[in-house]
Amino acid sequence: MTSFAQGPMHGCGCHPHPPIRYCRQEAKELLVRGDKALDFYADAAPEAANPLVGTESGGKPTITTGAAGIGEAIIGGGCCVQLSVEYMPANLSLQDQDCLVLVEVTDSERTILSWTKQFKEGYHVKECIITTYPGARLAVTVKRAIARVRWCEIFSC
């Protein structure tokens, strides 16, 4: 979704000049799921092509809960970016399982910034976890969790 800022470029938060330029904000997000197939494959046939499902003796499918989900994106735009994250367990029926979310940003100078959280339950939102510039690479890794990282890319018009 694209929207137009109501003020001059200094409203973008990074570059105060030139003072007459306007900017456009474009919302971006990266959704990553770990163990995303747990519910779907719980009763699947053993021959289902899924790395999360194994077979115990007797042919009954078992679920491997150790798989991780990984997602990547490139941060674009022309101004600094603040990342926010939403996260929750991937499968609510598995109680007392440790879930993990790791957000890593590598900027164009190879500086690595990271944010991580280990949790057991609930839906969480954390805003402004990392601030970076365009050209950075975003990597999100989750284990037994669903995470959505959001940011706005800002372009001058």
C-alpha atoms as a PDB file:
ATOM      1  CA  MET A   1       0.000   0.000   0.000  1.00  0.00           C
ATOM      2  CA  THR A   2       1.380   3.397  -0.954  1.00  0.00           C
ATOM      3  CA  SER A   3       0.668   6.648   0.830  1.00  0.00           C
ATOM      4  CA  PHE A   4       1.984  10.171   0.510  1.00  0.00           C
ATOM      5  CA  ALA A   5       3.440  12.068   3.439  1.00  0.00           C
ATOM      6  CA  GLN A   6       1.756  15.320   4.381  1.00  0.00           C
ATOM      7  CA  GLY A   7       4.903  17.369   4.850  1.00  0.00           C
ATOM      8  CA  PRO A   8       8.315  18.176   3.447  1.00  0.00           C
ATOM      9  CA  MET A   9      11.228  15.740   3.297  1.00  0.00           C
ATOM     10  CA  HIS A  10      12.341  16.597   6.851  1.00  0.00           C
ATOM     11  CA  GLY A  11       9.199  14.721   7.966  1.00  0.00           C
ATOM     12  CA  CYS A  12      10.900  11.522   6.804  1.00  0.00           C
ATOM     13  CA  GLY A  13      13.283  11.772   9.726  1.00  0.00           C
ATOM     14  CA  CYS A  14      16.655  11.437   7.984  1.00  0.00           C
ATOM     15  CA  HIS A  15      17.477  14.214   5.547  1.00  0.00           C
ATOM     16  CA  PRO A  16      16.478  17.780   6.465  1.00  0.00           C
ATOM     17  CA  HIS A  17      17.341  19.181   3.029  1.00  0.00           C
ATOM     18  CA  PRO A  18      16.261  20.106   0.445  1.00  0.00           C
ATOM     19  CA  PRO A  19      13.397  21.594   2.471  1.00  0.00           C
ATOM     20  CA  ILE A  20      10.813  21.678  -0.344  1.00  0.00           C
ATOM     21  CA  ARG A  21      10.875  18.008  -1.434  1.00  0.00           C
ATOM     22  CA  TYR A  22       8.081  15.638  -0.488  1.00  0.00           C
ATOM     23  CA  CYS A  23       8.346  11.959   0.227  1.00  0.00           C
ATOM     24  CA  ARG A  24       6.289   8.831  -0.322  1.00  0.00           C
ATOM     25  CA  GLN A  25       6.118   5.974   2.182  1.00  0.00           C
ATOM     26  CA  GLU A  26       5.658   2.372   1.144  1.00  0.00           C
ATOM     27  CA  ALA A  27       4.845  -0.262   3.779  1.00  0.00           C
ATOM     28  CA  LYS A  28       6.854  -3.500   3.606  1.00  0.00           C
ATOM     29  CA  GLU A  29       6.726  -6.717   5.589  1.00  0.00           C
ATOM     30  CA  LEU A  30       8.403 -10.105   5.814  1.00  0.00           C
ATOM     31  CA  LEU A  31       6.424 -13.039   7.260  1.00  0.00           C
ATOM     32  CA  VAL A  32       8.371 -16.105   8.419  1.00  0.00           C
ATOM     33  CA  ARG A  33       6.938 -19.323   9.865  1.00  0.00           C
ATOM     34  CA  GLY A  34       8.783 -22.079  11.672  1.00  0.00           C
ATOM     35  CA  ASP A  35       7.055 -25.478  11.870  1.00  0.00           C
ATOM     36  CA  LYS A  36       4.367 -24.110   9.561  1.00  0.00           C
ATOM     37  CA  ALA A  37       3.269 -27.569   8.533  1.00  0.00           C
ATOM     38  CA  LEU A  38       2.586 -28.971  12.007  1.00  0.00           C
ATOM     39  CA  ASP A  39      -1.196 -28.755  11.862  1.00  0.00           C
ATOM     40  CA  PHE A  40      -1.524 -29.657   8.180  1.00  0.00           C
ATOM     41  CA  TYR A  41       0.684 -32.759   8.316  1.00  0.00           C
ATOM     42  CA  ALA A  42      -0.328 -34.065  11.746  1.00  0.00           C
ATOM     43  CA  ASP A  43      -2.500 -36.769  10.141  1.00  0.00           C
ATOM     44  CA  ALA A  44      -0.664 -36.954   6.822  1.00  0.00           C
ATOM     45  CA  ALA A  45       0.472 -40.113   5.157  1.00  0.00           C
ATOM     46  CA  PRO A  46       4.126 -40.952   5.843  1.00  0.00           C
ATOM     47  CA  GLU A  47       4.979 -40.482   2.195  1.00  0.00           C
ATOM     48  CA  ALA A  48       4.020 -36.789   2.392  1.00  0.00           C
ATOM     49  CA  ALA A  49       6.973 -34.803   1.111  1.00  0.00           C
ATOM     50  CA  ASN A  50       7.614 -32.711   4.185  1.00  0.00           C
ATOM     51  CA  PRO A  51      10.830 -32.494   6.212  1.00  0.00           C
ATOM     52  CA  LEU A  52       8.818 -31.939   9.406  1.00  0.00           C
ATOM     53  CA  VAL A  53       7.134 -35.345   9.233  1.00  0.00           C
ATOM     54  CA  GLY A  54       8.968 -38.548  10.028  1.00  0.00           C
ATOM     55  CA  THR A  55       7.715 -42.113  10.377  1.00  0.00           C
ATOM     56  CA  GLU A  56       7.828 -44.264  13.482  1.00  0.00           C
ATOM     57  CA  SER A  57       7.520 -48.028  13.401  1.00  0.00           C
ATOM     58  CA  GLY A  58       4.076 -48.997  12.182  1.00  0.00           C
ATOM     59  CA  GLY A  59       3.910 -46.198   9.610  1.00  0.00           C
ATOM     60  CA  LYS A  60       2.304 -43.575  11.871  1.00  0.00           C
ATOM     61  CA  PRO A  61       3.590 -40.066  11.105  1.00  0.00           C
ATOM     62  CA  THR A  62       5.474 -38.225  13.839  1.00  0.00           C
ATOM     63  CA  ILE A  63       6.157 -34.531  13.965  1.00  0.00           C
ATOM     64  CA  THR A  64       9.637 -33.083  14.218  1.00  0.00           C
ATOM     65  CA  THR A  65       9.297 -29.802  16.065  1.00  0.00           C
ATOM     66  CA  GLY A  66      12.883 -28.616  15.665  1.00  0.00           C
ATOM     67  CA  ALA A  67      12.690 -27.167  12.146  1.00  0.00           C
ATOM     68  CA  ALA A  68      13.347 -23.465  11.705  1.00  0.00           C
ATOM     69  CA  GLY A  69      11.868 -20.989   9.272  1.00  0.00           C
ATOM     70  CA  ILE A  70      14.118 -18.475   7.541  1.00  0.00           C
ATOM     71  CA  GLY A  71      13.237 -15.398   5.484  1.00  0.00           C
ATOM     72  CA  GLU A  72      15.284 -12.663   3.836  1.00  0.00           C
ATOM     73  CA  ALA A  73      14.635  -9.229   2.352  1.00  0.00           C
ATOM     74  CA  ILE A  74      16.504  -6.134   1.231  1.00  0.00           C
ATOM     75  CA  ILE A  75      15.742  -2.780   2.825  1.00  0.00           C
ATOM     76  CA  GLY A  76      15.177  -0.142   0.143  1.00  0.00           C
ATOM     77  CA  GLY A  77      14.113   3.467  -0.098  1.00  0.00           C
ATOM     78  CA  GLY A  78      16.089   6.645   0.401  1.00  0.00           C
ATOM     79  CA  CYS A  79      15.921   7.199   4.144  1.00  0.00           C
ATOM     80  CA  CYS A  80      16.509   5.444   7.441  1.00  0.00           C
ATOM     81  CA  VAL A  81      14.162   2.601   8.392  1.00  0.00           C
ATOM     82  CA  GLN A  82      12.856   1.403  11.762  1.00  0.00           C
ATOM     83  CA  LEU A  83      11.900  -2.261  12.042  1.00  0.00           C
ATOM     84  CA  SER A  84       9.051  -3.590  14.166  1.00  0.00           C
ATOM     85  CA  VAL A  85       8.198  -7.234  14.825  1.00  0.00           C
ATOM     86  CA  GLU A  86       5.057  -9.203  15.682  1.00  0.00           C
ATOM     87  CA  TYR A  87       5.485 -12.791  16.887  1.00  0.00           C
ATOM     88  CA  MET A  88       3.610 -15.720  18.387  1.00  0.00           C
ATOM     89  CA  PRO A  89       3.905 -19.530  18.671  1.00  0.00           C
ATOM     90  CA  ALA A  90       3.383 -21.401  15.390  1.00  0.00           C
ATOM     91  CA  ASN A  91       1.227 -24.067  17.025  1.00  0.00           C
ATOM     92  CA  LEU A  92      -0.941 -23.196  20.005  1.00  0.00           C
ATOM     93  CA  SER A  93      -1.616 -26.847  20.860  1.00  0.00           C
ATOM     94  CA  LEU A  94       2.015 -27.435  21.873  1.00  0.00           C
ATOM     95  CA  GLN A  95       2.203 -26.100  25.426  1.00  0.00           C
ATOM     96  CA  ASP A  96       5.413 -25.056  27.174  1.00  0.00           C
ATOM     97  CA  GLN A  97       7.530 -25.207  24.018  1.00  0.00           C
ATOM     98  CA  ASP A  98      10.349 -22.682  23.771  1.00  0.00           C
ATOM     99  CA  CYS A  99       9.887 -20.485  20.711  1.00  0.00           C
ATOM    100  CA  LEU A 100      12.568 -18.265  19.228  1.00  0.00           C
ATOM    101  CA  VAL A 101      12.656 -15.192  16.972  1.00  0.00           C
ATOM    102  CA  LEU A 102      15.935 -13.760  15.642  1.00  0.00           C
ATOM    103  CA  VAL A 103      16.048 -10.609  13.489  1.00  0.00           C
ATOM    104  CA  GLU A 104      19.404  -9.702  11.937  1.00  0.00           C
ATOM    105  CA  VAL A 105      20.291  -6.735   9.751  1.00  0.00           C
ATOM    106  CA  THR A 106      23.589  -6.462   7.884  1.00  0.00           C
ATOM    107  CA  ASP A 107      24.187  -2.968   6.527  1.00  0.00           C
ATOM    108  CA  SER A 108      26.255  -1.971   3.492  1.00  0.00           C
ATOM    109  CA  GLU A 109      29.337  -1.543   5.721  1.00  0.00           C
ATOM    110  CA  ARG A 110      28.897  -5.128   7.015  1.00  0.00           C
ATOM    111  CA  THR A 111      27.800  -4.026  10.466  1.00  0.00           C
ATOM    112  CA  ILE A 112      25.428  -6.577  11.983  1.00  0.00           C
ATOM    113  CA  LEU A 113      22.578  -5.528  14.238  1.00  0.00           C
ATOM    114  CA  SER A 114      20.387  -8.171  15.841  1.00  0.00           C
ATOM    115  CA  TRP A 115      17.370  -8.585  18.077  1.00  0.00           C
ATOM    116  CA  THR A 116      16.286 -11.906  19.570  1.00  0.00           C
ATOM    117  CA  LYS A 117      13.523 -13.149  21.827  1.00  0.00           C
ATOM    118  CA  GLN A 118      12.823 -16.543  23.370  1.00  0.00           C
ATOM    119  CA  PHE A 119       9.238 -17.010  24.597  1.00  0.00           C
ATOM    120  CA  LYS A 120       6.601 -19.685  25.291  1.00  0.00           C
ATOM    121  CA  GLU A 121       3.173 -18.205  24.574  1.00  0.00           C
ATOM    122  CA  GLY A 122       1.147 -15.209  23.507  1.00  0.00           C
ATOM    123  CA  TYR A 123       1.067 -12.644  20.735  1.00  0.00           C
ATOM    124  CA  HIS A 124       3.691  -9.894  21.060  1.00  0.00           C
ATOM    125  CA  VAL A 125       4.518  -6.630  19.266  1.00  0.00           C
ATOM    126  CA  LYS A 126       7.848  -4.827  19.618  1.00  0.00           C
ATOM    127  CA  GLU A 127       8.365  -1.553  17.767  1.00  0.00           C
ATOM    128  CA  CYS A 128      11.636   0.088  16.716  1.00  0.00           C
ATOM    129  CA  ILE A 129      13.783  -2.987  17.397  1.00  0.00           C
ATOM    130  CA  ILE A 130      16.437  -1.968  14.840  1.00  0.00           C
ATOM    131  CA  THR A 131      17.094   1.233  12.871  1.00  0.00           C
ATOM    132  CA  THR A 132      19.068   0.932   9.627  1.00  0.00           C
ATOM    133  CA  TYR A 133      19.578   2.474   6.184  1.00  0.00           C
ATOM    134  CA  PRO A 134      18.632   1.434   2.636  1.00  0.00           C
ATOM    135  CA  GLY A 135      20.828  -1.264   1.176  1.00  0.00           C
ATOM    136  CA  ALA A 136      20.788  -3.359   4.345  1.00  0.00           C
ATOM    137  CA  ARG A 137      19.958  -7.057   4.247  1.00  0.00           C
ATOM    138  CA  LEU A 138      17.284  -8.377   6.603  1.00  0.00           C
ATOM    139  CA  ALA A 139      17.295 -11.997   7.797  1.00  0.00           C
ATOM    140  CA  VAL A 140      14.612 -13.434  10.102  1.00  0.00           C
ATOM    141  CA  THR A 141      14.908 -16.878  11.694  1.00  0.00           C
ATOM    142  CA  VAL A 142      12.155 -18.455  13.787  1.00  0.00           C
ATOM    143  CA  LYS A 143      11.847 -21.737  15.637  1.00  0.00           C
ATOM    144  CA  ARG A 144       8.358 -22.974  16.550  1.00  0.00           C
ATOM    145  CA  ALA A 145       7.105 -19.426  15.903  1.00  0.00           C
ATOM    146  CA  ILE A 146       5.512 -17.086  13.389  1.00  0.00           C
ATOM    147  CA  ALA A 147       7.069 -13.635  13.023  1.00  0.00           C
ATOM    148  CA  ARG A 148       6.247 -10.663  10.831  1.00  0.00           C
ATOM    149  CA  VAL A 149       8.795  -7.854  10.523  1.00  0.00           C
ATOM    150  CA  ARG A 150       7.393  -4.534   9.259  1.00  0.00           C
ATOM    151  CA  TRP A 151       8.983  -1.302   8.053  1.00  0.00           C
ATOM    152  CA  CYS A 152       8.276   1.661   5.760  1.00  0.00           C
ATOM    153  CA  GLU A 153      10.548   2.534   2.880  1.00  0.00           C
ATOM    154  CA  ILE A 154      10.632   6.255   2.157  1.00  0.00           C
ATOM    155  CA  PHE A 155      11.220   7.716  -1.311  1.00  0.00           C
ATOM    156  CA  SER A 156      11.560  11.383  -2.233  1.00  0.00           C
ATOM    157  CA  CYS A 157       9.386  12.625  -5.085  1.00  0.00           C
END
